[in-house]
Amino acid sequence: MKTLFISLFLMVSINNIKISQESETMTATFDGFEEGIYYFTDKDGYANEFSSISDEAMASYDLTQDTYKGKSFLITYIEIEELDEFDEEITINSITALKLLE
């Protein structure tokens, strides 16, 4: 009985683990970089915040400078679930790829 309980517990636990993250894309205008956050606005006027950027994307476009402010990008990103300082689950957006649109 104990073995059955442990097996059942492990099966339920494994089903709750995210094994891979699907990336999403959006087209948005770069608004700036402040205090570690990258700010973009999409075509509907919705503000988007990204807390991190991949090394590959940063090597192509240094968004910490004002050079790309007001420019449109095709953004590929993932959403990462984390716990904040109050142990509440929050979603962090992380840029995985950027393409400057002209």
N, C-alpha and C. Protein backbone atom coordinates (compact mmCIF):
# COMPACT_ATOMS: atom_id res chain seq x y z
N MET A 1 0.83 -1.19 0.00
CA MET A 1 0.00 0.00 0.00
C MET A 1 0.87 1.25 0.00
N LYS A 2 1.96 1.19 0.76
CA LYS A 2 2.87 2.33 0.83
C LYS A 2 3.50 2.60 -0.54
N THR A 3 3.86 1.55 -1.24
CA THR A 3 4.46 1.69 -2.57
C THR A 3 3.46 2.30 -3.55
N LEU A 4 2.21 1.90 -3.47
CA LEU A 4 1.17 2.46 -4.32
C LEU A 4 0.99 3.95 -4.05
N PHE A 5 0.98 4.33 -2.80
CA PHE A 5 0.83 5.74 -2.43
C PHE A 5 2.00 6.57 -2.96
N ILE A 6 3.21 6.07 -2.80
CA ILE A 6 4.40 6.80 -3.28
C ILE A 6 4.37 6.93 -4.80
N SER A 7 4.00 5.85 -5.49
CA SER A 7 3.92 5.89 -6.95
C SER A 7 2.88 6.90 -7.42
N LEU A 8 1.73 6.90 -6.78
CA LEU A 8 0.67 7.85 -7.13
C LEU A 8 1.12 9.28 -6.86
N PHE A 9 1.77 9.51 -5.75
CA PHE A 9 2.28 10.85 -5.41
C PHE A 9 3.28 11.34 -6.44
N LEU A 10 4.20 10.48 -6.85
CA LEU A 10 5.20 10.85 -7.85
C LEU A 10 4.57 11.16 -9.20
N MET A 11 3.57 10.39 -9.60
CA MET A 11 2.90 10.64 -10.87
C MET A 11 2.19 11.99 -10.87
N VAL A 12 1.53 12.33 -9.80
CA VAL A 12 0.85 13.61 -9.70
C VAL A 12 1.86 14.75 -9.67
N SER A 13 2.95 14.58 -8.96
CA SER A 13 3.98 15.62 -8.88
C SER A 13 4.63 15.88 -10.23
N ILE A 14 4.93 14.85 -10.96
CA ILE A 14 5.58 14.99 -12.26
C ILE A 14 4.68 15.72 -13.24
N ASN A 15 3.38 15.51 -13.17
CA ASN A 15 2.45 16.18 -14.08
C ASN A 15 2.39 17.69 -13.85
N ASN A 16 2.78 18.17 -12.69
CA ASN A 16 2.73 19.60 -12.38
C ASN A 16 4.02 20.33 -12.74
N ILE A 17 5.02 19.65 -13.23
CA ILE A 17 6.30 20.26 -13.58
C ILE A 17 6.26 20.71 -15.03
N LYS A 18 6.65 21.95 -15.28
CA LYS A 18 6.77 22.44 -16.65
C LYS A 18 8.10 21.96 -17.21
N ILE A 19 8.05 21.11 -18.21
CA ILE A 19 9.28 20.57 -18.77
C ILE A 19 9.88 21.52 -19.80
N SER A 20 9.06 22.13 -20.62
CA SER A 20 9.58 23.08 -21.60
C SER A 20 8.70 24.31 -21.62
N GLN A 21 9.28 25.40 -22.09
CA GLN A 21 8.54 26.64 -22.16
C GLN A 21 8.35 26.99 -23.62
N GLU A 22 7.13 27.33 -23.98
CA GLU A 22 6.86 27.77 -25.33
C GLU A 22 7.18 29.24 -25.45
N SER A 23 7.84 29.59 -26.53
CA SER A 23 8.13 31.00 -26.73
C SER A 23 6.95 31.65 -27.45
N GLU A 24 6.80 32.93 -27.20
CA GLU A 24 5.76 33.73 -27.82
C GLU A 24 6.42 34.88 -28.56
N THR A 25 5.71 35.47 -29.51
CA THR A 25 6.25 36.61 -30.24
C THR A 25 5.27 37.76 -30.22
N MET A 26 5.81 38.96 -30.37
CA MET A 26 5.00 40.16 -30.48
C MET A 26 5.79 41.21 -31.23
N THR A 27 5.08 42.15 -31.81
CA THR A 27 5.71 43.32 -32.41
C THR A 27 5.43 44.48 -31.49
N ALA A 28 6.49 45.20 -31.11
CA ALA A 28 6.32 46.31 -30.16
C ALA A 28 7.42 47.34 -30.36
N THR A 29 7.14 48.54 -29.86
CA THR A 29 8.08 49.66 -29.95
C THR A 29 8.85 49.79 -28.64
N PHE A 30 10.16 49.94 -28.76
CA PHE A 30 11.01 50.06 -27.58
C PHE A 30 10.84 51.43 -26.95
N ASP A 31 10.50 51.46 -25.66
CA ASP A 31 10.29 52.71 -24.92
C ASP A 31 11.49 53.10 -24.07
N GLY A 32 12.30 52.12 -23.67
CA GLY A 32 13.46 52.45 -22.87
C GLY A 32 13.82 51.36 -21.88
N PHE A 33 14.92 51.61 -21.18
CA PHE A 33 15.46 50.69 -20.19
C PHE A 33 15.66 51.46 -18.89
N GLU A 34 15.09 50.94 -17.81
CA GLU A 34 15.21 51.62 -16.52
C GLU A 34 15.22 50.61 -15.39
N GLU A 35 16.22 50.72 -14.52
CA GLU A 35 16.34 49.87 -13.33
C GLU A 35 16.22 48.38 -13.65
N GLY A 36 16.88 47.95 -14.73
CA GLY A 36 16.91 46.53 -15.08
C GLY A 36 15.70 46.02 -15.84
N ILE A 37 14.78 46.88 -16.21
CA ILE A 37 13.57 46.48 -16.92
C ILE A 37 13.57 47.10 -18.32
N TYR A 38 13.23 46.27 -19.33
CA TYR A 38 13.11 46.73 -20.71
C TYR A 38 11.62 46.99 -20.97
N TYR A 39 11.29 48.19 -21.43
CA TYR A 39 9.90 48.59 -21.64
C TYR A 39 9.58 48.69 -23.13
N PHE A 40 8.47 48.07 -23.53
CA PHE A 40 7.98 48.11 -24.90
C PHE A 40 6.48 48.40 -24.89
N THR A 41 5.97 48.98 -25.98
CA THR A 41 4.54 49.20 -26.15
C THR A 41 4.10 48.52 -27.44
N ASP A 42 3.05 47.69 -27.36
CA ASP A 42 2.58 47.00 -28.56
C ASP A 42 1.65 47.89 -29.37
N LYS A 43 1.15 47.38 -30.50
CA LYS A 43 0.33 48.18 -31.42
C LYS A 43 -1.00 48.62 -30.81
N ASP A 44 -1.46 47.93 -29.78
CA ASP A 44 -2.70 48.29 -29.11
C ASP A 44 -2.48 49.27 -27.96
N GLY A 45 -1.23 49.69 -27.77
CA GLY A 45 -0.90 50.62 -26.70
C GLY A 45 -0.66 49.97 -25.35
N TYR A 46 -0.59 48.65 -25.33
CA TYR A 46 -0.37 47.92 -24.08
C TYR A 46 1.12 47.92 -23.74
N ALA A 47 1.45 48.30 -22.51
CA ALA A 47 2.85 48.34 -22.05
C ALA A 47 3.29 46.94 -21.65
N ASN A 48 4.50 46.58 -22.06
CA ASN A 48 5.08 45.27 -21.75
C ASN A 48 6.43 45.47 -21.09
N GLU A 49 6.68 44.69 -20.04
CA GLU A 49 7.95 44.75 -19.32
C GLU A 49 8.68 43.42 -19.45
N PHE A 50 9.99 43.51 -19.68
CA PHE A 50 10.83 42.32 -19.77
C PHE A 50 11.97 42.48 -18.78
N SER A 51 12.12 41.49 -17.91
CA SER A 51 13.10 41.57 -16.83
C SER A 51 14.48 41.07 -17.23
N SER A 52 14.56 40.33 -18.32
CA SER A 52 15.87 39.83 -18.74
C SER A 52 15.90 39.68 -20.25
N ILE A 53 17.11 39.54 -20.77
CA ILE A 53 17.32 39.39 -22.21
C ILE A 53 18.47 38.41 -22.41
N SER A 54 18.34 37.57 -23.42
CA SER A 54 19.40 36.58 -23.68
C SER A 54 20.68 37.28 -24.14
N ASP A 55 21.80 36.61 -23.94
CA ASP A 55 23.09 37.16 -24.37
C ASP A 55 23.12 37.39 -25.88
N GLU A 56 22.50 36.47 -26.64
CA GLU A 56 22.48 36.60 -28.09
C GLU A 56 21.72 37.85 -28.53
N ALA A 57 20.56 38.09 -27.94
CA ALA A 57 19.76 39.27 -28.29
C ALA A 57 20.48 40.54 -27.86
N MET A 58 21.12 40.52 -26.70
CA MET A 58 21.84 41.70 -26.21
C MET A 58 23.05 42.00 -27.09
N ALA A 59 23.69 40.95 -27.62
CA ALA A 59 24.84 41.17 -28.49
C ALA A 59 24.44 41.87 -29.78
N SER A 60 23.22 41.61 -30.25
CA SER A 60 22.74 42.23 -31.49
C SER A 60 22.24 43.65 -31.26
N TYR A 61 21.54 43.86 -30.15
CA TYR A 61 20.92 45.16 -29.86
C TYR A 61 21.12 45.51 -28.39
N ASP A 62 21.95 46.50 -28.12
CA ASP A 62 22.18 46.93 -26.74
C ASP A 62 21.06 47.89 -26.33
N LEU A 63 20.03 47.34 -25.71
CA LEU A 63 18.86 48.14 -25.34
C LEU A 63 19.07 48.98 -24.08
N THR A 64 20.24 48.90 -23.49
CA THR A 64 20.50 49.74 -22.31
C THR A 64 20.81 51.17 -22.73
N GLN A 65 21.06 51.39 -24.02
CA GLN A 65 21.32 52.73 -24.57
C GLN A 65 20.04 53.25 -25.23
N ASP A 66 19.98 54.54 -25.49
CA ASP A 66 18.79 55.15 -26.12
C ASP A 66 18.78 55.02 -27.64
N THR A 67 19.76 54.35 -28.22
CA THR A 67 19.89 54.23 -29.67
C THR A 67 18.63 53.67 -30.33
N TYR A 68 17.99 52.69 -29.69
CA TYR A 68 16.85 52.01 -30.29
C TYR A 68 15.50 52.50 -29.76
N LYS A 69 15.50 53.55 -28.99
CA LYS A 69 14.26 54.10 -28.44
C LYS A 69 13.36 54.57 -29.59
N GLY A 70 12.10 54.13 -29.57
CA GLY A 70 11.15 54.48 -30.62
C GLY A 70 11.17 53.54 -31.82
N LYS A 71 12.06 52.56 -31.83
CA LYS A 71 12.16 51.60 -32.93
C LYS A 71 11.26 50.39 -32.66
N SER A 72 10.75 49.80 -33.75
CA SER A 72 9.89 48.62 -33.64
C SER A 72 10.72 47.35 -33.75
N PHE A 73 10.35 46.37 -32.93
CA PHE A 73 11.04 45.09 -32.90
C PHE A 73 10.04 43.94 -32.97
N LEU A 74 10.47 42.84 -33.55
CA LEU A 74 9.79 41.57 -33.40
C LEU A 74 10.47 40.91 -32.21
N ILE A 75 9.71 40.68 -31.15
CA ILE A 75 10.26 40.17 -29.90
C ILE A 75 9.82 38.71 -29.70
N THR A 76 10.77 37.84 -29.47
CA THR A 76 10.48 36.47 -29.07
C THR A 76 10.83 36.37 -27.60
N TYR A 77 9.90 35.84 -26.81
CA TYR A 77 10.11 35.80 -25.36
C TYR A 77 9.45 34.58 -24.74
N ILE A 78 9.86 34.31 -23.51
CA ILE A 78 9.24 33.26 -22.72
C ILE A 78 8.73 33.87 -21.42
N GLU A 79 7.75 33.20 -20.85
CA GLU A 79 7.23 33.59 -19.54
C GLU A 79 7.75 32.61 -18.50
N ILE A 80 8.31 33.13 -17.43
CA ILE A 80 8.89 32.30 -16.38
C ILE A 80 8.10 32.54 -15.09
N GLU A 81 7.66 31.47 -14.49
CA GLU A 81 6.94 31.56 -13.22
C GLU A 81 7.94 31.55 -12.07
N GLU A 82 7.87 32.54 -11.20
CA GLU A 82 8.76 32.63 -10.04
C GLU A 82 7.96 33.00 -8.81
N LEU A 83 8.59 32.86 -7.65
CA LEU A 83 7.98 33.30 -6.40
C LEU A 83 8.61 34.63 -6.00
N ASP A 84 7.76 35.58 -5.60
CA ASP A 84 8.29 36.87 -5.15
C ASP A 84 8.66 36.80 -3.67
N GLU A 85 9.01 37.94 -3.10
CA GLU A 85 9.46 37.97 -1.70
C GLU A 85 8.36 37.58 -0.71
N PHE A 86 7.09 37.55 -1.17
CA PHE A 86 5.98 37.16 -0.30
C PHE A 86 5.51 35.73 -0.61
N ASP A 87 6.34 34.99 -1.36
CA ASP A 87 6.04 33.62 -1.79
C ASP A 87 4.78 33.53 -2.65
N GLU A 88 4.49 34.61 -3.38
CA GLU A 88 3.38 34.59 -4.33
C GLU A 88 3.95 34.37 -5.73
N GLU A 89 3.23 33.59 -6.53
CA GLU A 89 3.71 33.28 -7.87
C GLU A 89 3.51 34.48 -8.79
N ILE A 90 4.57 34.85 -9.50
CA ILE A 90 4.51 35.95 -10.45
C ILE A 90 5.08 35.47 -11.79
N THR A 91 4.73 36.17 -12.86
CA THR A 91 5.23 35.83 -14.19
C THR A 91 6.25 36.87 -14.62
N ILE A 92 7.42 36.40 -15.00
CA ILE A 92 8.51 37.25 -15.49
C ILE A 92 8.66 37.00 -16.98
N ASN A 93 8.73 38.07 -17.77
CA ASN A 93 8.96 37.95 -19.21
C ASN A 93 10.45 38.08 -19.50
N SER A 94 10.97 37.17 -20.32
CA SER A 94 12.39 37.17 -20.67
C SER A 94 12.55 37.12 -22.19
N ILE A 95 13.25 38.09 -22.76
CA ILE A 95 13.47 38.15 -24.20
C ILE A 95 14.51 37.10 -24.60
N THR A 96 14.15 36.29 -25.61
CA THR A 96 15.08 35.28 -26.11
C THR A 96 15.66 35.67 -27.47
N ALA A 97 14.93 36.50 -28.24
CA ALA A 97 15.42 36.95 -29.55
C ALA A 97 14.76 38.26 -29.93
N LEU A 98 15.49 39.07 -30.69
CA LEU A 98 15.00 40.36 -31.17
C LEU A 98 15.31 40.50 -32.65
N LYS A 99 14.39 41.16 -33.37
CA LYS A 99 14.65 41.50 -34.77
C LYS A 99 14.14 42.92 -34.98
N LEU A 100 15.02 43.80 -35.41
CA LEU A 100 14.66 45.19 -35.68
C LEU A 100 13.83 45.24 -36.95
N LEU A 101 12.66 45.89 -36.88
CA LEU A 101 11.79 46.03 -38.04
C LEU A 101 11.98 47.42 -38.63
N GLU A 102 11.99 47.50 -39.95
CA GLU A 102 12.17 48.81 -40.58
C GLU A 102 11.07 49.12 -41.55
